[in-house]
N, C-alpha and C. Protein backbone atom coordinates (compact mmCIF):
# COMPACT_ATOMS: atom_id res chain seq x y z
N UNK A 1 43.03 65.93 117.78
CA UNK A 1 44.21 66.64 118.27
C UNK A 1 44.76 65.91 119.49
N UNK A 2 45.98 65.41 119.38
CA UNK A 2 46.57 64.62 120.44
C UNK A 2 47.48 65.47 121.32
N UNK A 3 47.20 65.46 122.61
CA UNK A 3 48.01 66.20 123.57
C UNK A 3 48.80 65.27 124.48
N UNK A 4 48.83 63.99 124.15
CA UNK A 4 49.43 62.99 125.04
C UNK A 4 50.92 63.21 125.25
N UNK A 5 51.62 63.80 124.29
CA UNK A 5 53.06 64.01 124.40
C UNK A 5 53.42 65.42 124.81
N UNK A 6 52.45 66.18 125.28
CA UNK A 6 52.68 67.60 125.54
C UNK A 6 53.73 67.83 126.62
N UNK A 7 53.72 67.04 127.67
CA UNK A 7 54.70 67.20 128.74
C UNK A 7 56.12 67.02 128.20
N UNK A 8 56.32 65.97 127.40
CA UNK A 8 57.64 65.72 126.82
C UNK A 8 58.03 66.82 125.84
N UNK A 9 57.07 67.28 125.04
CA UNK A 9 57.36 68.34 124.07
C UNK A 9 57.71 69.65 124.78
N UNK A 10 57.05 69.93 125.89
CA UNK A 10 57.36 71.12 126.67
C UNK A 10 58.77 71.03 127.24
N UNK A 11 59.16 69.84 127.68
CA UNK A 11 60.49 69.66 128.25
C UNK A 11 61.59 69.98 127.23
N UNK A 12 61.33 69.69 125.96
CA UNK A 12 62.28 70.03 124.90
C UNK A 12 62.51 71.54 124.86
N UNK A 13 61.50 72.31 125.26
CA UNK A 13 61.58 73.77 125.27
C UNK A 13 61.98 74.31 126.65
N UNK A 14 62.56 73.45 127.48
CA UNK A 14 62.99 73.83 128.84
C UNK A 14 61.82 74.34 129.67
N UNK A 15 60.68 73.70 129.53
CA UNK A 15 59.47 74.14 130.20
C UNK A 15 58.84 72.97 130.96
N UNK A 16 58.59 73.19 132.24
CA UNK A 16 57.89 72.21 133.07
C UNK A 16 56.47 72.71 133.31
N UNK A 17 55.48 72.00 132.79
CA UNK A 17 54.10 72.45 132.88
C UNK A 17 53.47 72.08 134.22
N UNK A 18 52.56 72.93 134.73
CA UNK A 18 51.83 72.61 135.97
C UNK A 18 50.99 71.35 135.79
N UNK A 19 50.58 70.70 136.90
CA UNK A 19 49.86 69.42 136.83
C UNK A 19 48.58 69.45 136.00
N UNK A 20 47.83 70.54 136.02
CA UNK A 20 46.55 70.59 135.32
C UNK A 20 46.65 71.18 133.92
N UNK A 21 47.86 71.43 133.44
CA UNK A 21 48.03 72.11 132.16
C UNK A 21 47.42 71.34 131.00
N UNK A 22 47.67 70.03 130.92
CA UNK A 22 47.18 69.26 129.78
C UNK A 22 45.66 69.26 129.73
N UNK A 23 45.01 69.13 130.87
CA UNK A 23 43.54 69.15 130.88
C UNK A 23 43.02 70.51 130.47
N UNK A 24 43.68 71.59 130.88
CA UNK A 24 43.24 72.93 130.49
C UNK A 24 43.45 73.16 129.00
N UNK A 25 44.55 72.68 128.47
CA UNK A 25 44.79 72.82 127.03
C UNK A 25 43.81 71.97 126.21
N UNK A 26 43.41 70.84 126.75
CA UNK A 26 42.40 70.02 126.08
C UNK A 26 41.08 70.77 125.97
N UNK A 27 40.71 71.47 127.05
CA UNK A 27 39.51 72.31 127.02
C UNK A 27 39.65 73.41 125.98
N UNK A 28 40.80 74.05 125.93
CA UNK A 28 41.03 75.14 124.97
C UNK A 28 40.90 74.65 123.54
N UNK A 29 41.52 73.54 123.21
CA UNK A 29 41.47 73.03 121.84
C UNK A 29 40.05 72.63 121.45
N UNK A 30 39.31 72.07 122.40
CA UNK A 30 37.92 71.68 122.14
C UNK A 30 37.05 72.91 121.89
N UNK A 31 37.22 73.94 122.70
CA UNK A 31 36.45 75.18 122.53
C UNK A 31 36.80 75.87 121.21
N UNK A 32 38.07 75.88 120.88
CA UNK A 32 38.49 76.51 119.64
C UNK A 32 37.87 75.81 118.43
N UNK A 33 37.84 74.48 118.46
CA UNK A 33 37.23 73.73 117.37
C UNK A 33 35.75 74.07 117.23
N UNK A 34 35.07 74.20 118.35
CA UNK A 34 33.64 74.49 118.34
C UNK A 34 33.35 75.91 117.86
N UNK A 35 34.06 76.88 118.41
CA UNK A 35 33.81 78.28 118.07
C UNK A 35 34.32 78.64 116.68
N UNK A 36 35.38 77.99 116.25
CA UNK A 36 35.98 78.37 114.97
C UNK A 36 35.07 78.07 113.78
N UNK A 37 34.18 77.11 113.94
CA UNK A 37 33.25 76.79 112.85
C UNK A 37 32.31 77.94 112.55
N UNK A 38 32.05 78.78 113.53
CA UNK A 38 31.12 79.89 113.37
C UNK A 38 31.85 81.23 113.25
N UNK A 39 32.90 81.43 114.05
CA UNK A 39 33.52 82.75 114.17
C UNK A 39 34.85 82.89 113.45
N UNK A 40 35.37 81.82 112.85
CA UNK A 40 36.64 81.89 112.12
C UNK A 40 37.73 82.56 112.95
N UNK A 41 38.00 82.00 114.11
CA UNK A 41 38.97 82.58 115.02
C UNK A 41 40.41 82.39 114.57
N UNK A 42 40.67 81.37 113.78
CA UNK A 42 42.01 81.13 113.26
C UNK A 42 41.93 80.80 111.78
N UNK A 43 42.91 81.29 111.03
CA UNK A 43 42.95 81.02 109.59
C UNK A 43 43.49 79.63 109.29
N UNK A 44 44.07 78.97 110.28
CA UNK A 44 44.57 77.60 110.12
C UNK A 44 43.38 76.65 110.20
N UNK A 45 42.97 76.12 109.06
CA UNK A 45 41.77 75.28 109.01
C UNK A 45 42.04 73.82 109.37
N UNK A 46 43.29 73.40 109.31
CA UNK A 46 43.63 72.01 109.64
C UNK A 46 43.78 71.89 111.16
N UNK A 47 42.79 71.33 111.82
CA UNK A 47 42.80 71.24 113.28
C UNK A 47 43.95 70.39 113.80
N UNK A 48 44.43 69.45 112.99
CA UNK A 48 45.53 68.61 113.43
C UNK A 48 46.83 69.40 113.61
N UNK A 49 46.89 70.60 113.03
CA UNK A 49 48.09 71.43 113.13
C UNK A 49 48.00 72.45 114.25
N UNK A 50 46.87 72.52 114.93
CA UNK A 50 46.71 73.54 115.97
C UNK A 50 47.65 73.36 117.14
N UNK A 51 47.92 72.11 117.50
CA UNK A 51 48.80 71.87 118.65
C UNK A 51 50.20 72.41 118.38
N UNK A 52 50.74 72.13 117.20
CA UNK A 52 52.09 72.61 116.87
C UNK A 52 52.09 74.08 116.51
N UNK A 53 51.15 74.51 115.64
CA UNK A 53 51.17 75.88 115.12
C UNK A 53 50.68 76.93 116.11
N UNK A 54 49.84 76.53 117.04
CA UNK A 54 49.32 77.49 118.00
C UNK A 54 49.81 77.21 119.43
N UNK A 55 49.55 76.02 119.92
CA UNK A 55 49.83 75.73 121.32
C UNK A 55 51.33 75.64 121.60
N UNK A 56 52.03 74.76 120.90
CA UNK A 56 53.47 74.63 121.14
C UNK A 56 54.21 75.89 120.72
N UNK A 57 53.78 76.51 119.65
CA UNK A 57 54.41 77.75 119.20
C UNK A 57 54.32 78.82 120.29
N UNK A 58 53.17 78.91 120.94
CA UNK A 58 53.00 79.88 122.02
C UNK A 58 53.85 79.52 123.23
N UNK A 59 53.89 78.24 123.58
CA UNK A 59 54.67 77.80 124.74
C UNK A 59 56.18 77.96 124.55
N UNK A 60 56.62 78.05 123.30
CA UNK A 60 58.06 78.11 123.03
C UNK A 60 58.71 79.35 123.62
N UNK A 61 57.93 80.37 123.90
CA UNK A 61 58.49 81.63 124.39
C UNK A 61 58.55 81.70 125.91
N UNK A 62 57.85 80.82 126.60
CA UNK A 62 57.67 80.96 128.05
C UNK A 62 59.01 80.96 128.79
N UNK A 63 59.91 80.08 128.44
CA UNK A 63 61.16 79.93 129.20
C UNK A 63 62.10 81.12 129.03
N UNK A 64 61.86 81.98 128.04
CA UNK A 64 62.76 83.13 127.82
C UNK A 64 62.11 84.46 128.19
N UNK A 65 60.86 84.44 128.66
CA UNK A 65 60.17 85.69 129.00
C UNK A 65 60.72 86.30 130.29
N UNK A 66 60.83 87.63 130.32
CA UNK A 66 61.15 88.29 131.60
C UNK A 66 59.99 88.09 132.58
N UNK A 67 60.24 88.21 133.87
CA UNK A 67 59.16 88.07 134.85
C UNK A 67 58.25 89.29 134.86
N UNK A 68 57.11 89.15 135.52
CA UNK A 68 56.23 90.29 135.74
C UNK A 68 54.92 90.24 134.99
N UNK A 69 54.17 91.31 135.14
CA UNK A 69 52.83 91.43 134.54
C UNK A 69 52.95 91.48 133.02
N UNK A 70 52.05 90.75 132.35
CA UNK A 70 52.17 90.57 130.89
C UNK A 70 50.85 90.89 130.21
N UNK A 71 50.95 91.51 129.02
CA UNK A 71 49.79 91.70 128.15
C UNK A 71 50.09 91.13 126.77
N UNK A 72 49.12 90.42 126.23
CA UNK A 72 49.18 89.88 124.87
C UNK A 72 48.31 90.76 123.99
N UNK A 73 48.94 91.55 123.11
CA UNK A 73 48.18 92.49 122.28
C UNK A 73 47.84 91.83 120.93
N UNK A 74 46.61 92.06 120.47
CA UNK A 74 46.14 91.38 119.28
C UNK A 74 46.05 89.89 119.53
N UNK A 75 45.46 89.54 120.68
CA UNK A 75 45.50 88.15 121.16
C UNK A 75 44.75 87.18 120.26
N UNK A 76 43.74 87.65 119.55
CA UNK A 76 43.00 86.76 118.65
C UNK A 76 42.29 85.65 119.40
N UNK A 77 42.65 84.41 119.09
CA UNK A 77 42.05 83.26 119.78
C UNK A 77 42.79 82.92 121.08
N UNK A 78 43.67 83.84 121.53
CA UNK A 78 44.33 83.65 122.81
C UNK A 78 45.76 83.17 122.75
N UNK A 79 46.39 83.32 121.59
CA UNK A 79 47.77 82.87 121.44
C UNK A 79 48.71 84.05 121.21
N UNK A 80 49.73 84.18 122.04
CA UNK A 80 50.27 83.20 122.99
C UNK A 80 49.75 83.34 124.43
N UNK A 81 48.86 84.30 124.69
CA UNK A 81 48.50 84.65 126.06
C UNK A 81 47.92 83.52 126.89
N UNK A 82 46.98 82.76 126.33
CA UNK A 82 46.36 81.69 127.11
C UNK A 82 47.37 80.59 127.48
N UNK A 83 48.17 80.09 126.53
CA UNK A 83 49.18 79.10 126.93
C UNK A 83 50.17 79.63 127.96
N UNK A 84 50.56 80.90 127.84
CA UNK A 84 51.46 81.49 128.83
C UNK A 84 50.80 81.47 130.21
N UNK A 85 49.53 81.86 130.26
CA UNK A 85 48.81 81.92 131.53
C UNK A 85 48.66 80.54 132.17
N UNK A 86 48.47 79.52 131.37
CA UNK A 86 48.38 78.15 131.90
C UNK A 86 49.74 77.68 132.40
N UNK A 87 50.77 77.95 131.62
CA UNK A 87 52.12 77.51 132.00
C UNK A 87 52.65 78.24 133.22
N UNK A 88 52.19 79.49 133.41
CA UNK A 88 52.67 80.31 134.53
C UNK A 88 51.48 80.86 135.31
N UNK A 89 50.85 80.04 136.14
CA UNK A 89 49.62 80.46 136.82
C UNK A 89 49.81 81.59 137.82
N UNK A 90 51.04 81.89 138.20
CA UNK A 90 51.29 83.00 139.12
C UNK A 90 51.54 84.33 138.40
N UNK A 91 51.55 84.30 137.08
CA UNK A 91 51.77 85.53 136.30
C UNK A 91 50.42 86.18 135.97
N UNK A 92 50.32 87.49 136.19
CA UNK A 92 49.14 88.26 135.83
C UNK A 92 49.16 88.51 134.33
N UNK A 93 48.12 88.04 133.61
CA UNK A 93 48.08 88.11 132.16
C UNK A 93 46.81 88.85 131.70
N UNK A 94 46.99 89.79 130.77
CA UNK A 94 45.86 90.48 130.14
C UNK A 94 45.86 90.13 128.66
N UNK A 95 44.70 89.76 128.13
CA UNK A 95 44.54 89.48 126.71
C UNK A 95 43.77 90.65 126.09
N UNK A 96 44.33 91.26 125.07
CA UNK A 96 43.71 92.42 124.44
C UNK A 96 43.46 92.16 122.97
N UNK A 97 42.23 92.45 122.53
CA UNK A 97 41.90 92.38 121.11
C UNK A 97 40.75 93.35 120.84
N UNK A 98 40.72 93.90 119.64
CA UNK A 98 39.67 94.87 119.30
C UNK A 98 38.39 94.20 118.81
N UNK A 99 38.45 92.89 118.51
CA UNK A 99 37.29 92.16 117.99
C UNK A 99 36.42 91.63 119.13
N UNK A 100 35.16 92.04 119.15
CA UNK A 100 34.26 91.59 120.20
C UNK A 100 34.00 90.09 120.14
N UNK A 101 33.93 89.53 118.93
CA UNK A 101 33.69 88.09 118.84
C UNK A 101 34.89 87.29 119.38
N UNK A 102 36.08 87.82 119.17
CA UNK A 102 37.26 87.12 119.68
C UNK A 102 37.37 87.24 121.19
N UNK A 103 37.08 88.42 121.73
CA UNK A 103 37.16 88.56 123.20
C UNK A 103 35.99 87.84 123.88
N UNK A 104 34.87 87.66 123.17
CA UNK A 104 33.79 86.83 123.73
C UNK A 104 34.27 85.39 123.87
N UNK A 105 34.98 84.91 122.85
CA UNK A 105 35.57 83.57 122.95
C UNK A 105 36.57 83.49 124.08
N UNK A 106 37.42 84.51 124.20
CA UNK A 106 38.45 84.50 125.23
C UNK A 106 37.83 84.46 126.63
N UNK A 107 36.77 85.23 126.85
CA UNK A 107 36.11 85.23 128.16
C UNK A 107 35.52 83.86 128.48
N UNK A 108 34.92 83.24 127.46
CA UNK A 108 34.34 81.91 127.66
C UNK A 108 35.45 80.89 127.94
N UNK A 109 36.54 80.98 127.18
CA UNK A 109 37.64 80.05 127.37
C UNK A 109 38.27 80.20 128.76
N UNK A 110 38.49 81.43 129.19
CA UNK A 110 39.07 81.68 130.51
C UNK A 110 38.19 81.10 131.61
N UNK A 111 36.86 81.25 131.45
CA UNK A 111 35.93 80.69 132.43
C UNK A 111 35.97 79.17 132.44
N UNK A 112 35.91 78.57 131.26
CA UNK A 112 35.89 77.11 131.16
C UNK A 112 37.22 76.48 131.60
N UNK A 113 38.31 77.20 131.36
CA UNK A 113 39.63 76.69 131.73
C UNK A 113 39.97 77.00 133.19
N UNK A 114 39.10 77.79 133.84
CA UNK A 114 39.28 78.16 135.24
C UNK A 114 40.63 78.82 135.48
N UNK A 115 40.87 79.88 134.70
CA UNK A 115 42.11 80.64 134.82
C UNK A 115 41.85 81.89 135.65
N UNK A 116 42.41 81.92 136.84
CA UNK A 116 42.19 83.05 137.74
C UNK A 116 43.19 84.18 137.54
N UNK A 117 44.17 83.98 136.69
CA UNK A 117 45.22 84.99 136.49
C UNK A 117 45.07 85.76 135.19
N UNK A 118 43.90 85.66 134.53
CA UNK A 118 43.71 86.26 133.21
C UNK A 118 42.53 87.22 133.22
N UNK A 119 42.72 88.38 132.58
CA UNK A 119 41.61 89.31 132.33
C UNK A 119 41.62 89.71 130.86
N UNK A 120 40.48 90.21 130.38
CA UNK A 120 40.28 90.47 128.96
C UNK A 120 39.97 91.95 128.74
N UNK A 121 40.51 92.52 127.67
CA UNK A 121 40.19 93.89 127.27
C UNK A 121 39.79 93.91 125.80
N UNK A 122 38.64 94.54 125.51
CA UNK A 122 38.18 94.68 124.12
C UNK A 122 38.41 96.12 123.69
N UNK A 123 39.51 96.37 123.01
CA UNK A 123 39.83 97.71 122.54
C UNK A 123 41.02 97.63 121.60
N UNK A 124 41.27 98.72 120.91
CA UNK A 124 42.47 98.81 120.08
C UNK A 124 43.66 99.09 120.99
N UNK A 125 44.81 98.53 120.64
CA UNK A 125 45.96 98.62 121.53
C UNK A 125 46.37 100.07 121.77
N UNK A 126 46.30 100.91 120.74
CA UNK A 126 46.74 102.29 120.92
C UNK A 126 45.78 103.10 121.79
N UNK A 127 44.54 102.60 121.94
CA UNK A 127 43.54 103.30 122.76
C UNK A 127 43.54 102.82 124.21
N UNK A 128 44.24 101.76 124.51
CA UNK A 128 44.22 101.19 125.86
C UNK A 128 45.16 101.96 126.77
N UNK A 129 44.62 102.52 127.82
CA UNK A 129 45.40 103.31 128.78
C UNK A 129 45.22 102.72 130.18
N UNK A 130 45.93 101.67 130.49
CA UNK A 130 45.76 101.01 131.80
C UNK A 130 46.30 101.87 132.94
N UNK A 131 45.74 101.67 134.13
CA UNK A 131 46.25 102.39 135.30
C UNK A 131 47.65 101.92 135.67
N UNK A 132 47.91 100.65 135.41
CA UNK A 132 49.24 100.08 135.64
C UNK A 132 49.81 99.59 134.32
N UNK A 133 51.10 99.85 134.13
CA UNK A 133 51.75 99.35 132.93
C UNK A 133 52.15 97.90 133.08
N UNK A 134 52.86 97.40 132.07
CA UNK A 134 53.21 95.98 132.01
C UNK A 134 54.72 95.81 131.91
N UNK A 135 55.20 94.75 132.55
CA UNK A 135 56.62 94.40 132.45
C UNK A 135 56.94 93.78 131.10
N UNK A 136 55.96 93.07 130.54
CA UNK A 136 56.14 92.37 129.26
C UNK A 136 54.93 92.64 128.37
N UNK A 137 55.19 93.11 127.16
CA UNK A 137 54.13 93.30 126.16
C UNK A 137 54.48 92.39 124.99
N UNK A 138 53.69 91.35 124.79
CA UNK A 138 54.01 90.33 123.79
C UNK A 138 53.01 90.37 122.64
N UNK A 139 53.50 90.05 121.45
CA UNK A 139 52.61 89.95 120.28
C UNK A 139 53.04 88.77 119.43
N UNK A 140 52.08 88.20 118.73
CA UNK A 140 52.34 87.09 117.82
C UNK A 140 51.56 87.38 116.54
N UNK A 141 52.27 87.67 115.47
CA UNK A 141 51.64 87.99 114.19
C UNK A 141 50.69 89.18 114.30
N UNK A 142 51.06 90.15 115.14
CA UNK A 142 50.22 91.34 115.32
C UNK A 142 50.51 92.40 114.27
N UNK A 143 51.78 92.70 114.03
CA UNK A 143 52.15 93.76 113.10
C UNK A 143 53.64 93.68 112.84
N UNK A 144 54.15 94.58 112.00
CA UNK A 144 55.58 94.72 111.83
C UNK A 144 56.20 95.30 113.09
N UNK A 145 57.51 95.20 113.21
CA UNK A 145 58.18 95.65 114.43
C UNK A 145 57.98 97.14 114.67
N UNK A 146 58.10 97.95 113.61
CA UNK A 146 57.93 99.38 113.77
C UNK A 146 56.56 99.75 114.26
N UNK A 147 55.54 99.12 113.70
CA UNK A 147 54.16 99.37 114.12
C UNK A 147 53.93 98.88 115.54
N UNK A 148 54.53 97.77 115.90
CA UNK A 148 54.41 97.23 117.25
C UNK A 148 54.94 98.23 118.28
N UNK A 149 56.11 98.78 118.02
CA UNK A 149 56.69 99.77 118.93
C UNK A 149 55.81 101.01 119.01
N UNK A 150 55.33 101.47 117.86
CA UNK A 150 54.53 102.70 117.83
C UNK A 150 53.21 102.54 118.56
N UNK A 151 52.55 101.40 118.39
CA UNK A 151 51.22 101.21 118.95
C UNK A 151 51.23 100.72 120.40
N UNK A 152 52.23 99.93 120.76
CA UNK A 152 52.19 99.25 122.06
C UNK A 152 53.27 99.70 123.03
N UNK A 153 54.19 100.54 122.59
CA UNK A 153 55.28 100.94 123.46
C UNK A 153 54.83 101.62 124.74
N UNK A 154 53.69 102.33 124.68
CA UNK A 154 53.22 103.06 125.87
C UNK A 154 52.73 102.14 126.98
N UNK A 155 52.54 100.87 126.67
CA UNK A 155 52.02 99.93 127.68
C UNK A 155 53.10 99.43 128.64
N UNK A 156 54.37 99.63 128.29
CA UNK A 156 55.46 99.13 129.12
C UNK A 156 55.75 100.05 130.30
N UNK A 157 56.02 99.45 131.44
CA UNK A 157 56.56 100.22 132.56
C UNK A 157 58.01 100.55 132.26
N UNK A 158 58.60 101.44 133.06
CA UNK A 158 60.02 101.73 132.92
C UNK A 158 60.81 100.45 133.13
N UNK A 159 61.64 100.13 132.17
CA UNK A 159 62.41 98.89 132.24
C UNK A 159 61.70 97.70 131.63
N UNK A 160 60.43 97.89 131.20
CA UNK A 160 59.67 96.81 130.57
C UNK A 160 60.15 96.54 129.16
N UNK A 161 59.70 95.44 128.60
CA UNK A 161 60.12 95.06 127.26
C UNK A 161 58.95 94.64 126.38
N UNK A 162 59.05 95.03 125.11
CA UNK A 162 58.18 94.48 124.07
C UNK A 162 58.84 93.19 123.58
N UNK A 163 58.03 92.15 123.36
CA UNK A 163 58.55 90.88 122.85
C UNK A 163 57.70 90.48 121.65
N UNK A 164 58.30 90.52 120.47
CA UNK A 164 57.59 90.19 119.24
C UNK A 164 57.95 88.78 118.81
N UNK A 165 56.94 87.93 118.65
CA UNK A 165 57.16 86.58 118.15
C UNK A 165 57.09 86.60 116.63
N UNK A 166 58.14 86.12 115.99
CA UNK A 166 58.25 86.19 114.54
C UNK A 166 58.68 84.85 113.97
N UNK A 167 58.47 84.70 112.67
CA UNK A 167 58.97 83.54 111.96
C UNK A 167 60.35 83.85 111.41
N UNK A 168 60.49 83.85 110.10
CA UNK A 168 61.75 84.24 109.47
C UNK A 168 61.93 85.75 109.63
N UNK A 169 63.09 86.15 110.14
CA UNK A 169 63.36 87.58 110.34
C UNK A 169 64.01 88.16 109.09
N UNK A 170 63.48 89.26 108.64
CA UNK A 170 64.00 89.92 107.44
C UNK A 170 64.63 91.26 107.82
N UNK A 171 65.71 91.60 107.13
CA UNK A 171 66.46 92.81 107.45
C UNK A 171 65.59 94.06 107.33
N UNK A 172 64.69 94.07 106.34
CA UNK A 172 63.86 95.26 106.17
C UNK A 172 62.93 95.49 107.35
N UNK A 173 62.47 94.40 107.98
CA UNK A 173 61.62 94.59 109.16
C UNK A 173 62.45 95.01 110.36
N UNK A 174 63.62 94.39 110.55
CA UNK A 174 64.48 94.80 111.65
C UNK A 174 64.88 96.27 111.51
N UNK A 175 64.98 96.75 110.27
CA UNK A 175 65.35 98.13 110.01
C UNK A 175 64.27 99.14 110.31
N UNK A 176 63.08 98.65 110.68
CA UNK A 176 61.99 99.58 111.01
C UNK A 176 62.22 100.29 112.34
N UNK A 177 63.11 99.76 113.17
CA UNK A 177 63.38 100.37 114.46
C UNK A 177 64.88 100.57 114.62
N UNK A 178 65.24 101.50 115.50
CA UNK A 178 66.65 101.80 115.71
C UNK A 178 67.38 100.56 116.23
N UNK A 179 68.59 100.30 115.73
CA UNK A 179 69.33 99.10 116.17
C UNK A 179 69.50 99.00 117.68
N UNK A 180 69.73 100.14 118.34
CA UNK A 180 69.92 100.11 119.79
C UNK A 180 68.64 99.76 120.54
N UNK A 181 67.51 99.79 119.82
CA UNK A 181 66.22 99.48 120.43
C UNK A 181 66.07 97.98 120.67
N UNK A 182 66.81 97.18 119.93
CA UNK A 182 66.69 95.73 120.02
C UNK A 182 67.67 95.19 121.04
N UNK A 183 67.15 94.62 122.12
CA UNK A 183 68.00 94.01 123.16
C UNK A 183 68.65 92.73 122.65
N UNK A 184 67.82 91.85 122.10
CA UNK A 184 68.33 90.56 121.64
C UNK A 184 67.28 89.90 120.76
N UNK A 185 67.74 88.95 119.98
CA UNK A 185 66.87 88.10 119.17
C UNK A 185 67.16 86.65 119.55
N UNK A 186 66.13 85.93 119.97
CA UNK A 186 66.29 84.55 120.44
C UNK A 186 65.62 83.60 119.45
N UNK A 187 66.36 82.60 118.99
CA UNK A 187 65.77 81.55 118.16
C UNK A 187 65.00 80.59 119.05
N UNK A 188 63.75 80.33 118.69
CA UNK A 188 62.87 79.47 119.48
C UNK A 188 62.79 78.07 118.87
N UNK A 189 62.68 77.08 119.74
CA UNK A 189 62.52 75.70 119.30
C UNK A 189 61.06 75.29 119.50
N UNK A 190 60.42 74.83 118.43
CA UNK A 190 59.04 74.37 118.50
C UNK A 190 58.98 72.92 118.03
N UNK A 191 58.81 71.96 118.96
CA UNK A 191 58.75 70.55 118.55
C UNK A 191 57.66 70.30 117.52
N UNK A 192 57.95 69.47 116.56
CA UNK A 192 57.06 69.04 115.49
C UNK A 192 56.78 70.12 114.45
N UNK A 193 57.35 71.31 114.63
CA UNK A 193 57.11 72.39 113.67
C UNK A 193 58.40 72.68 112.92
N UNK A 194 58.39 72.40 111.62
CA UNK A 194 59.58 72.61 110.81
C UNK A 194 59.53 74.00 110.18
N UNK A 195 59.77 75.00 110.99
CA UNK A 195 59.77 76.38 110.53
C UNK A 195 60.58 77.22 111.50
N UNK A 196 61.15 78.30 111.01
CA UNK A 196 61.92 79.18 111.88
C UNK A 196 61.00 79.99 112.78
N UNK A 197 61.39 80.14 114.03
CA UNK A 197 60.66 80.97 114.98
C UNK A 197 61.67 81.78 115.79
N UNK A 198 61.36 83.05 116.02
CA UNK A 198 62.24 83.93 116.77
C UNK A 198 61.43 84.81 117.72
N UNK A 199 62.09 85.27 118.76
CA UNK A 199 61.52 86.27 119.66
C UNK A 199 62.45 87.48 119.64
N UNK A 200 61.88 88.65 119.34
CA UNK A 200 62.65 89.89 119.29
C UNK A 200 62.32 90.70 120.53
N UNK A 201 63.33 91.00 121.35
CA UNK A 201 63.15 91.75 122.59
C UNK A 201 63.51 93.21 122.34
N UNK A 202 62.56 94.11 122.62
CA UNK A 202 62.69 95.51 122.23
C UNK A 202 62.54 96.41 123.44
N UNK A 203 63.42 97.40 123.54
CA UNK A 203 63.31 98.45 124.55
C UNK A 203 62.50 99.59 123.94
N UNK A 204 61.25 99.82 124.40
CA UNK A 204 60.39 100.80 123.75
C UNK A 204 60.76 102.24 124.07
N UNK A 205 61.63 102.44 125.05
CA UNK A 205 62.00 103.81 125.43
C UNK A 205 62.82 104.47 124.32
N UNK A 206 63.63 103.68 123.65
CA UNK A 206 64.47 104.22 122.59
C UNK A 206 63.62 104.51 121.36
N UNK A 207 63.94 105.58 120.67
CA UNK A 207 63.09 106.06 119.57
C UNK A 207 63.24 105.18 118.34
N UNK A 208 62.18 105.19 117.54
CA UNK A 208 62.20 104.49 116.27
C UNK A 208 63.01 105.25 115.24
N UNK A 209 63.50 104.52 114.24
CA UNK A 209 64.14 105.17 113.10
C UNK A 209 63.08 105.91 112.30
N UNK A 210 63.34 107.12 111.95
CA UNK A 210 62.40 107.88 111.12
C UNK A 210 62.40 107.31 109.72
N UNK A 211 61.21 107.02 109.24
CA UNK A 211 61.08 106.45 107.88
C UNK A 211 60.17 107.32 107.04
């Protein structure tokens, strides 16, 4: 897995990475390769595609995220939460997943990557009741939009936003929530990845369409 062009690829996404980002991402990719052989943390078996499909895909959203405290729900192997935390070391990031084996990996990765702005929660998203809410609640391949709003909407502070990372957007999925609930849809650019990527920004205060 080659990370030598990561700085240039990030620049294409209007993103300037901190000085230690490449070394931290190198640690992450190495740990993922090691742990994935035993724990099947990602369904993408071709390691050569991890940089584009996981790392760059996660970084593509950083430049359009609202500021503030962020939680990555259904974080899995840490995408997009870990790349966001590396790219924005001053942002408070929580990674949440219900799988103990995945959060064990996340804790090890956070320690090895020396990320002081990240904490881990092992629980189902609907059961998580934090003392403080979040300005940004992000998901990547977690669920449909309607389910995302229903399960994670309570995590947002007043004025906070849900941000769903999606591939091709289909009308039937957009129809799962009230039209006024969607602030905007942003097309994302992912270098070396020939596939559509979008970010859907949702106001969780507005009610879902009854289905």
